[in-house]
């Protein structure tokens, strides 16, 4: 849900990801912290994202 995504975004260190997450949008690339990448992967596998933008990393 949007509320859960807003809550999850509080722990994000990447400012762009933090801004996008409440809209069910995420980014995934090697420059993210391990914690941010892990959260994005969990949200994606759980079906919580409408759009995921990623590199081939």
PDB file of N, CA and C in Angstrom:
ATOM      1  N   UNK A   1       0.835  -1.194   0.000  1.00  0.00           N
ATOM      2  CA  UNK A   1       0.000   0.000   0.000  1.00  0.00           C
ATOM      3  C   UNK A   1       0.874   1.250   0.000  1.00  0.00           C
ATOM      4  N   UNK A   2       0.272   2.353  -0.342  1.00  0.00           N
ATOM      5  CA  UNK A   2       1.008   3.613  -0.374  1.00  0.00           C
ATOM      6  C   UNK A   2       1.520   3.967   1.016  1.00  0.00           C
ATOM      7  N   UNK A   3       0.722   3.718   2.047  1.00  0.00           N
ATOM      8  CA  UNK A   3       1.153   4.014   3.419  1.00  0.00           C
ATOM      9  C   UNK A   3       2.398   3.206   3.782  1.00  0.00           C
ATOM     10  N   UNK A   4       2.411   1.938   3.434  1.00  0.00           N
ATOM     11  CA  UNK A   4       3.570   1.094   3.726  1.00  0.00           C
ATOM     12  C   UNK A   4       4.791   1.570   2.958  1.00  0.00           C
ATOM     13  N   UNK A   5       4.604   1.993   1.708  1.00  0.00           N
ATOM     14  CA  UNK A   5       5.728   2.497   0.920  1.00  0.00           C
ATOM     15  C   UNK A   5       6.268   3.792   1.502  1.00  0.00           C
ATOM     16  N   UNK A   6       5.387   4.656   1.980  1.00  0.00           N
ATOM     17  CA  UNK A   6       5.843   5.893   2.619  1.00  0.00           C
ATOM     18  C   UNK A   6       6.635   5.577   3.884  1.00  0.00           C
ATOM     19  N   UNK A   7       6.179   4.592   4.636  1.00  0.00           N
ATOM     20  CA  UNK A   7       6.892   4.182   5.849  1.00  0.00           C
ATOM     21  C   UNK A   7       8.263   3.618   5.486  1.00  0.00           C
ATOM     22  N   UNK A   8       8.313   2.751   4.475  1.00  0.00           N
ATOM     23  CA  UNK A   8       9.584   2.166   4.044  1.00  0.00           C
ATOM     24  C   UNK A   8      10.544   3.229   3.542  1.00  0.00           C
ATOM     25  N   UNK A   9      10.018   4.279   2.923  1.00  0.00           N
ATOM     26  CA  UNK A   9      10.887   5.304   2.345  1.00  0.00           C
ATOM     27  C   UNK A   9      11.640   6.090   3.418  1.00  0.00           C
ATOM     28  N   UNK A  10      11.201   6.027   4.666  1.00  0.00           N
ATOM     29  CA  UNK A  10      11.886   6.751   5.741  1.00  0.00           C
ATOM     30  C   UNK A  10      13.286   6.204   5.995  1.00  0.00           C
ATOM     31  N   UNK A  11      13.503   4.931   5.706  1.00  0.00           N
ATOM     32  CA  UNK A  11      14.809   4.319   5.964  1.00  0.00           C
ATOM     33  C   UNK A  11      15.741   4.368   4.751  1.00  0.00           C
ATOM     34  N   UNK A  12      15.280   4.912   3.649  1.00  0.00           N
ATOM     35  CA  UNK A  12      16.062   4.967   2.406  1.00  0.00           C
ATOM     36  C   UNK A  12      17.118   6.068   2.502  1.00  0.00           C
ATOM     37  N   UNK A  13      18.331   5.762   2.053  1.00  0.00           N
ATOM     38  CA  UNK A  13      19.387   6.779   2.076  1.00  0.00           C
ATOM     39  C   UNK A  13      19.502   7.542   0.753  1.00  0.00           C
ATOM     40  N   UNK A  14      19.081   6.940  -0.368  1.00  0.00           N
ATOM     41  CA  UNK A  14      19.167   7.615  -1.664  1.00  0.00           C
ATOM     42  C   UNK A  14      18.004   8.603  -1.806  1.00  0.00           C
ATOM     43  N   UNK A  15      18.290   9.899  -2.020  1.00  0.00           N
ATOM     44  CA  UNK A  15      17.213  10.897  -2.067  1.00  0.00           C
ATOM     45  C   UNK A  15      16.244  10.706  -3.232  1.00  0.00           C
ATOM     46  N   UNK A  16      16.724  10.270  -4.378  1.00  0.00           N
ATOM     47  CA  UNK A  16      15.828  10.056  -5.523  1.00  0.00           C
ATOM     48  C   UNK A  16      14.881   8.898  -5.244  1.00  0.00           C
ATOM     49  N   UNK A  17      15.410   7.815  -4.742  1.00  0.00           N
ATOM     50  CA  UNK A  17      14.576   6.663  -4.398  1.00  0.00           C
ATOM     51  C   UNK A  17      13.557   7.044  -3.337  1.00  0.00           C
ATOM     52  N   UNK A  18      13.981   7.817  -2.355  1.00  0.00           N
ATOM     53  CA  UNK A  18      13.077   8.256  -1.289  1.00  0.00           C
ATOM     54  C   UNK A  18      11.912   9.070  -1.849  1.00  0.00           C
ATOM     55  N   UNK A  19      12.183   9.916  -2.845  1.00  0.00           N
ATOM     56  CA  UNK A  19      11.130  10.724  -3.464  1.00  0.00           C
ATOM     57  C   UNK A  19      10.183   9.889  -4.315  1.00  0.00           C
ATOM     58  N   UNK A  20      10.696   8.853  -4.974  1.00  0.00           N
ATOM     59  CA  UNK A  20       9.891   8.053  -5.897  1.00  0.00           C
ATOM     60  C   UNK A  20       9.041   6.992  -5.211  1.00  0.00           C
ATOM     61  N   UNK A  21       9.529   6.433  -4.136  1.00  0.00           N
ATOM     62  CA  UNK A  21       8.891   5.281  -3.515  1.00  0.00           C
ATOM     63  C   UNK A  21       7.424   5.489  -3.132  1.00  0.00           C
ATOM     64  N   UNK A  22       7.011   6.630  -2.603  1.00  0.00           N
ATOM     65  CA  UNK A  22       5.590   6.801  -2.280  1.00  0.00           C
ATOM     66  C   UNK A  22       4.663   6.703  -3.498  1.00  0.00           C
ATOM     67  N   UNK A  23       5.220   6.820  -4.699  1.00  0.00           N
ATOM     68  CA  UNK A  23       4.433   6.713  -5.929  1.00  0.00           C
ATOM     69  C   UNK A  23       4.513   5.311  -6.536  1.00  0.00           C
ATOM     70  N   UNK A  24       5.007   4.336  -5.752  1.00  0.00           N
ATOM     71  CA  UNK A  24       5.174   2.950  -6.192  1.00  0.00           C
ATOM     72  C   UNK A  24       6.165   2.835  -7.346  1.00  0.00           C
ATOM     73  N   UNK A  25       7.152   3.731  -7.377  1.00  0.00           N
ATOM     74  CA  UNK A  25       8.204   3.737  -8.390  1.00  0.00           C
ATOM     75  C   UNK A  25       9.534   3.595  -7.665  1.00  0.00           C
ATOM     76  N   UNK A  26      10.428   2.785  -8.231  1.00  0.00           N
ATOM     77  CA  UNK A  26      11.744   2.610  -7.617  1.00  0.00           C
ATOM     78  C   UNK A  26      12.821   2.541  -8.684  1.00  0.00           C
ATOM     79  N   UNK A  27      14.044   2.815  -8.241  1.00  0.00           N
ATOM     80  CA  UNK A  27      15.223   2.672  -9.085  1.00  0.00           C
ATOM     81  C   UNK A  27      16.128   1.626  -8.450  1.00  0.00           C
ATOM     82  N   UNK A  28      16.937   0.974  -9.278  1.00  0.00           N
ATOM     83  CA  UNK A  28      17.854  -0.054  -8.776  1.00  0.00           C
ATOM     84  C   UNK A  28      19.122   0.018  -9.604  1.00  0.00           C
ATOM     85  N   UNK A  29      20.238   0.319  -8.955  1.00  0.00           N
ATOM     86  CA  UNK A  29      21.523   0.396  -9.647  1.00  0.00           C
ATOM     87  C   UNK A  29      22.642   0.174  -8.642  1.00  0.00           C
ATOM     88  N   UNK A  30      23.846  -0.028  -9.150  1.00  0.00           N
ATOM     89  CA  UNK A  30      24.992  -0.360  -8.297  1.00  0.00           C
ATOM     90  C   UNK A  30      25.368   0.760  -7.332  1.00  0.00           C
ATOM     91  N   UNK A  31      24.953   1.986  -7.603  1.00  0.00           N
ATOM     92  CA  UNK A  31      25.285   3.104  -6.734  1.00  0.00           C
ATOM     93  C   UNK A  31      24.445   3.189  -5.473  1.00  0.00           C
ATOM     94  N   UNK A  32      23.385   2.396  -5.385  1.00  0.00           N
ATOM     95  CA  UNK A  32      22.560   2.383  -4.178  1.00  0.00           C
ATOM     96  C   UNK A  32      23.276   1.615  -3.075  1.00  0.00           C
ATOM     97  N   UNK A  33      22.966   1.967  -1.848  1.00  0.00           N
ATOM     98  CA  UNK A  33      23.512   1.191  -0.733  1.00  0.00           C
ATOM     99  C   UNK A  33      22.930  -0.220  -0.779  1.00  0.00           C
ATOM    100  N   UNK A  34      23.613  -1.138  -0.145  1.00  0.00           N
ATOM    101  CA  UNK A  34      23.124  -2.525  -0.112  1.00  0.00           C
ATOM    102  C   UNK A  34      21.725  -2.584   0.510  1.00  0.00           C
ATOM    103  N   UNK A  35      21.495  -1.806   1.551  1.00  0.00           N
ATOM    104  CA  UNK A  35      20.187  -1.799   2.217  1.00  0.00           C
ATOM    105  C   UNK A  35      19.101  -1.280   1.281  1.00  0.00           C
ATOM    106  N   UNK A  36      19.390  -0.210   0.537  1.00  0.00           N
ATOM    107  CA  UNK A  36      18.412   0.334  -0.409  1.00  0.00           C
ATOM    108  C   UNK A  36      18.112  -0.676  -1.512  1.00  0.00           C
ATOM    109  N   UNK A  37      19.156  -1.305  -2.052  1.00  0.00           N
ATOM    110  CA  UNK A  37      18.946  -2.306  -3.112  1.00  0.00           C
ATOM    111  C   UNK A  37      18.114  -3.478  -2.595  1.00  0.00           C
ATOM    112  N   UNK A  38      18.409  -3.919  -1.400  1.00  0.00           N
ATOM    113  CA  UNK A  38      17.676  -5.037  -0.818  1.00  0.00           C
ATOM    114  C   UNK A  38      16.200  -4.697  -0.628  1.00  0.00           C
ATOM    115  N   UNK A  39      15.922  -3.498  -0.147  1.00  0.00           N
ATOM    116  CA  UNK A  39      14.537  -3.079   0.037  1.00  0.00           C
ATOM    117  C   UNK A  39      13.811  -3.031  -1.298  1.00  0.00           C
ATOM    118  N   UNK A  40      14.442  -2.461  -2.318  1.00  0.00           N
ATOM    119  CA  UNK A  40      13.824  -2.389  -3.646  1.00  0.00           C
ATOM    120  C   UNK A  40      13.542  -3.801  -4.165  1.00  0.00           C
ATOM    121  N   UNK A  41      14.487  -4.710  -3.999  1.00  0.00           N
ATOM    122  CA  UNK A  41      14.297  -6.091  -4.449  1.00  0.00           C
ATOM    123  C   UNK A  41      13.126  -6.749  -3.724  1.00  0.00           C
ATOM    124  N   UNK A  42      13.007  -6.521  -2.423  1.00  0.00           N
ATOM    125  CA  UNK A  42      11.898  -7.085  -1.652  1.00  0.00           C
ATOM    126  C   UNK A  42      10.563  -6.500  -2.093  1.00  0.00           C
ATOM    127  N   UNK A  43      10.521  -5.192  -2.307  1.00  0.00           N
ATOM    128  CA  UNK A  43       9.282  -4.553  -2.750  1.00  0.00           C
ATOM    129  C   UNK A  43       8.873  -5.051  -4.129  1.00  0.00           C
ATOM    130  N   UNK A  44       9.851  -5.210  -5.018  1.00  0.00           N
ATOM    131  CA  UNK A  44       9.563  -5.694  -6.366  1.00  0.00           C
ATOM    132  C   UNK A  44       9.049  -7.133  -6.328  1.00  0.00           C
ATOM    133  N   UNK A  45       9.731  -7.992  -5.610  1.00  0.00           N
ATOM    134  CA  UNK A  45       9.311  -9.398  -5.565  1.00  0.00           C
ATOM    135  C   UNK A  45       7.971  -9.565  -4.860  1.00  0.00           C
ATOM    136  N   UNK A  46       7.633  -8.636  -3.977  1.00  0.00           N
ATOM    137  CA  UNK A  46       6.352  -8.677  -3.289  1.00  0.00           C
ATOM    138  C   UNK A  46       5.215  -8.026  -4.049  1.00  0.00           C
ATOM    139  N   UNK A  47       5.503  -7.474  -5.226  1.00  0.00           N
ATOM    140  CA  UNK A  47       4.455  -6.858  -6.033  1.00  0.00           C
ATOM    141  C   UNK A  47       4.027  -5.478  -5.573  1.00  0.00           C
ATOM    142  N   UNK A  48       4.861  -4.806  -4.790  1.00  0.00           N
ATOM    143  CA  UNK A  48       4.489  -3.500  -4.244  1.00  0.00           C
ATOM    144  C   UNK A  48       4.836  -2.327  -5.148  1.00  0.00           C
ATOM    145  N   UNK A  49       5.526  -2.578  -6.253  1.00  0.00           N
ATOM    146  CA  UNK A  49       5.940  -1.495  -7.144  1.00  0.00           C
ATOM    147  C   UNK A  49       5.162  -1.534  -8.450  1.00  0.00           C
ATOM    148  N   UNK A  50       4.784  -0.363  -8.938  1.00  0.00           N
ATOM    149  CA  UNK A  50       4.147  -0.255 -10.251  1.00  0.00           C
ATOM    150  C   UNK A  50       5.179  -0.131 -11.352  1.00  0.00           C
ATOM    151  N   UNK A  51       6.341   0.440 -11.012  1.00  0.00           N
ATOM    152  CA  UNK A  51       7.391   0.670 -11.998  1.00  0.00           C
ATOM    153  C   UNK A  51       8.747   0.536 -11.324  1.00  0.00           C
ATOM    154  N   UNK A  52       9.632  -0.232 -11.953  1.00  0.00           N
ATOM    155  CA  UNK A  52      11.006  -0.373 -11.479  1.00  0.00           C
ATOM    156  C   UNK A  52      11.939  -0.025 -12.627  1.00  0.00           C
ATOM    157  N   UNK A  53      12.816   0.933 -12.389  1.00  0.00           N
ATOM    158  CA  UNK A  53      13.806   1.357 -13.377  1.00  0.00           C
ATOM    159  C   UNK A  53      15.150   0.845 -12.886  1.00  0.00           C
ATOM    160  N   UNK A  54      15.832   0.047 -13.719  1.00  0.00           N
ATOM    161  CA  UNK A  54      17.077  -0.553 -13.250  1.00  0.00           C
ATOM    162  C   UNK A  54      18.131  -0.602 -14.343  1.00  0.00           C
ATOM    163  N   UNK A  55      19.371  -0.719 -13.894  1.00  0.00           N
ATOM    164  CA  UNK A  55      20.476  -0.994 -14.804  1.00  0.00           C
ATOM    165  C   UNK A  55      20.658  -2.504 -14.845  1.00  0.00           C
ATOM    166  N   UNK A  56      21.640  -2.954 -15.592  1.00  0.00           N
ATOM    167  CA  UNK A  56      21.867  -4.392 -15.723  1.00  0.00           C
ATOM    168  C   UNK A  56      22.684  -4.974 -14.584  1.00  0.00           C
ATOM    169  N   UNK A  57      22.938  -4.216 -13.524  1.00  0.00           N
ATOM    170  CA  UNK A  57      23.737  -4.720 -12.405  1.00  0.00           C
ATOM    171  C   UNK A  57      22.993  -5.777 -11.632  1.00  0.00           C
TER     172      UNK A  57
END
